[in-house]
N, C-alpha and C. Protein backbone atom coordinates (compact mmCIF):
# COMPACT_ATOMS: atom_id res chain seq x y z
N UNK A 1 17.50 -16.89 -12.79
CA UNK A 1 16.16 -16.99 -13.31
C UNK A 1 15.13 -16.75 -12.20
N UNK A 2 15.45 -17.22 -11.00
CA UNK A 2 14.52 -17.04 -9.89
C UNK A 2 14.38 -15.57 -9.51
N UNK A 3 15.46 -14.81 -9.61
CA UNK A 3 15.39 -13.38 -9.29
C UNK A 3 14.52 -12.64 -10.29
N UNK A 4 14.61 -13.02 -11.56
CA UNK A 4 13.79 -12.37 -12.58
C UNK A 4 12.33 -12.68 -12.34
N UNK A 5 12.02 -13.93 -12.07
CA UNK A 5 10.63 -14.33 -11.81
C UNK A 5 10.09 -13.63 -10.57
N UNK A 6 10.93 -13.47 -9.56
CA UNK A 6 10.50 -12.80 -8.34
C UNK A 6 10.22 -11.33 -8.60
N UNK A 7 11.05 -10.69 -9.41
CA UNK A 7 10.83 -9.28 -9.73
C UNK A 7 9.56 -9.09 -10.56
N UNK A 8 9.30 -10.01 -11.48
CA UNK A 8 8.06 -9.95 -12.26
C UNK A 8 6.86 -10.13 -11.32
N UNK A 9 6.98 -11.03 -10.37
CA UNK A 9 5.91 -11.25 -9.40
C UNK A 9 5.66 -10.01 -8.55
N UNK A 10 6.72 -9.31 -8.18
CA UNK A 10 6.58 -8.08 -7.40
C UNK A 10 5.84 -7.02 -8.20
N UNK A 11 6.25 -6.83 -9.46
CA UNK A 11 5.57 -5.82 -10.29
C UNK A 11 4.12 -6.20 -10.56
N UNK A 12 3.84 -7.49 -10.74
CA UNK A 12 2.46 -7.93 -10.95
C UNK A 12 1.62 -7.69 -9.70
N UNK A 13 2.21 -7.90 -8.54
CA UNK A 13 1.49 -7.65 -7.29
C UNK A 13 1.18 -6.17 -7.10
N UNK A 14 2.14 -5.33 -7.43
CA UNK A 14 1.91 -3.88 -7.33
C UNK A 14 0.84 -3.43 -8.32
N UNK A 15 0.90 -3.96 -9.53
CA UNK A 15 -0.11 -3.61 -10.54
C UNK A 15 -1.50 -4.07 -10.10
N UNK A 16 -1.58 -5.27 -9.51
CA UNK A 16 -2.85 -5.78 -9.01
C UNK A 16 -3.44 -4.85 -7.97
N UNK A 17 -2.62 -4.37 -7.06
CA UNK A 17 -3.10 -3.47 -6.01
C UNK A 17 -3.56 -2.13 -6.56
N UNK A 18 -2.76 -1.55 -7.45
CA UNK A 18 -3.11 -0.23 -8.00
C UNK A 18 -4.35 -0.31 -8.87
N UNK A 19 -4.41 -1.31 -9.75
CA UNK A 19 -5.58 -1.45 -10.62
C UNK A 19 -6.83 -1.78 -9.80
N UNK A 20 -6.67 -2.62 -8.79
CA UNK A 20 -7.81 -2.97 -7.94
C UNK A 20 -8.38 -1.76 -7.21
N UNK A 21 -7.52 -0.94 -6.66
CA UNK A 21 -7.98 0.26 -5.95
C UNK A 21 -8.61 1.24 -6.93
N UNK A 22 -8.05 1.34 -8.13
CA UNK A 22 -8.64 2.21 -9.15
C UNK A 22 -10.04 1.74 -9.53
N UNK A 23 -10.23 0.44 -9.63
CA UNK A 23 -11.55 -0.10 -9.96
C UNK A 23 -12.54 0.18 -8.83
N UNK A 24 -12.10 0.04 -7.60
CA UNK A 24 -12.99 0.30 -6.46
C UNK A 24 -13.45 1.75 -6.45
N UNK A 25 -12.54 2.68 -6.71
CA UNK A 25 -12.90 4.09 -6.64
C UNK A 25 -13.66 4.58 -7.86
N UNK A 26 -13.67 3.81 -8.95
CA UNK A 26 -14.43 4.22 -10.11
C UNK A 26 -15.78 3.51 -10.21
N UNK A 27 -16.14 2.76 -9.17
CA UNK A 27 -17.45 2.12 -9.14
C UNK A 27 -18.54 3.18 -9.04
N UNK A 28 -19.77 2.81 -9.42
CA UNK A 28 -20.87 3.77 -9.29
C UNK A 28 -21.06 4.23 -7.85
N UNK A 29 -21.62 5.41 -7.71
CA UNK A 29 -21.78 6.02 -6.38
C UNK A 29 -22.83 5.33 -5.52
N UNK A 30 -23.68 4.48 -6.11
CA UNK A 30 -24.74 3.86 -5.30
C UNK A 30 -24.24 2.66 -4.49
N UNK A 31 -22.97 2.27 -4.64
CA UNK A 31 -22.41 1.23 -3.77
C UNK A 31 -22.16 1.80 -2.39
N UNK A 32 -22.26 0.96 -1.38
CA UNK A 32 -22.07 1.44 -0.01
C UNK A 32 -20.60 1.72 0.26
N UNK A 33 -20.34 2.63 1.15
CA UNK A 33 -18.97 2.99 1.51
C UNK A 33 -18.29 1.82 2.22
N UNK A 34 -19.07 1.00 2.91
CA UNK A 34 -18.50 -0.15 3.61
C UNK A 34 -17.92 -1.17 2.62
N UNK A 35 -18.63 -1.42 1.53
CA UNK A 35 -18.11 -2.37 0.54
C UNK A 35 -16.86 -1.80 -0.14
N UNK A 36 -16.84 -0.49 -0.37
CA UNK A 36 -15.64 0.11 -0.97
C UNK A 36 -14.45 0.00 -0.04
N UNK A 37 -14.67 0.21 1.25
CA UNK A 37 -13.59 0.08 2.23
C UNK A 37 -13.09 -1.36 2.31
N UNK A 38 -14.02 -2.31 2.26
CA UNK A 38 -13.65 -3.72 2.33
C UNK A 38 -12.79 -4.11 1.14
N UNK A 39 -13.22 -3.73 -0.06
CA UNK A 39 -12.44 -4.07 -1.24
C UNK A 39 -11.11 -3.34 -1.28
N UNK A 40 -11.07 -2.12 -0.78
CA UNK A 40 -9.81 -1.39 -0.71
C UNK A 40 -8.84 -2.11 0.22
N UNK A 41 -9.32 -2.60 1.34
CA UNK A 41 -8.47 -3.36 2.26
C UNK A 41 -7.94 -4.63 1.60
N UNK A 42 -8.79 -5.29 0.84
CA UNK A 42 -8.36 -6.51 0.15
C UNK A 42 -7.25 -6.19 -0.84
N UNK A 43 -7.41 -5.10 -1.60
CA UNK A 43 -6.41 -4.75 -2.59
C UNK A 43 -5.16 -4.13 -1.99
N UNK A 44 -5.15 -3.91 -0.70
CA UNK A 44 -3.93 -3.49 -0.01
C UNK A 44 -3.26 -4.68 0.68
N UNK A 45 -4.06 -5.53 1.31
CA UNK A 45 -3.53 -6.65 2.07
C UNK A 45 -2.92 -7.73 1.17
N UNK A 46 -3.61 -8.10 0.10
CA UNK A 46 -3.09 -9.17 -0.76
C UNK A 46 -1.74 -8.82 -1.40
N UNK A 47 -1.59 -7.64 -2.00
CA UNK A 47 -0.26 -7.33 -2.55
C UNK A 47 0.83 -7.20 -1.48
N UNK A 48 0.47 -6.69 -0.31
CA UNK A 48 1.50 -6.57 0.73
C UNK A 48 1.96 -7.94 1.21
N UNK A 49 1.05 -8.89 1.29
CA UNK A 49 1.43 -10.26 1.65
C UNK A 49 2.31 -10.87 0.55
N UNK A 50 1.92 -10.65 -0.69
CA UNK A 50 2.71 -11.18 -1.81
C UNK A 50 4.11 -10.56 -1.83
N UNK A 51 4.20 -9.28 -1.54
CA UNK A 51 5.50 -8.61 -1.54
C UNK A 51 6.38 -9.11 -0.39
N UNK A 52 5.78 -9.41 0.74
CA UNK A 52 6.59 -9.92 1.85
C UNK A 52 7.11 -11.32 1.54
N UNK A 53 6.31 -12.13 0.87
CA UNK A 53 6.77 -13.46 0.48
C UNK A 53 7.87 -13.35 -0.57
N UNK A 54 7.67 -12.47 -1.55
CA UNK A 54 8.68 -12.29 -2.61
C UNK A 54 9.97 -11.73 -2.04
N UNK A 55 9.88 -10.89 -1.03
CA UNK A 55 11.07 -10.32 -0.42
C UNK A 55 11.96 -11.37 0.21
N UNK A 56 11.37 -12.43 0.69
CA UNK A 56 12.18 -13.51 1.28
C UNK A 56 13.02 -14.20 0.23
N UNK A 57 12.52 -14.27 -1.01
CA UNK A 57 13.27 -14.95 -2.07
C UNK A 57 14.38 -14.07 -2.66
N UNK A 58 14.28 -12.76 -2.45
CA UNK A 58 15.30 -11.86 -2.98
C UNK A 58 16.47 -11.64 -2.03
N UNK A 59 16.30 -12.03 -0.79
CA UNK A 59 17.39 -11.85 0.18
C UNK A 59 18.57 -12.76 -0.16
N UNK A 60 19.75 -12.22 -0.01
CA UNK A 60 20.96 -13.01 -0.25
C UNK A 60 21.20 -13.94 0.92
N UNK A 61 21.64 -15.14 0.61
CA UNK A 61 21.89 -16.12 1.68
C UNK A 61 23.36 -16.21 1.98
């Protein structure tokens, strides 16, 4: 059961990153490039952290 939950968490993290970056790039053009870069970094860093944590639970002991 833990492996299934971990795999669901991995897919949710990937979806969060992809959807978040899509939202950032579809924002109106009057937003500053700095804010777009900041939000893009957030939507890359958070899923990568979540994936590294989930990867620890999938390793065989």
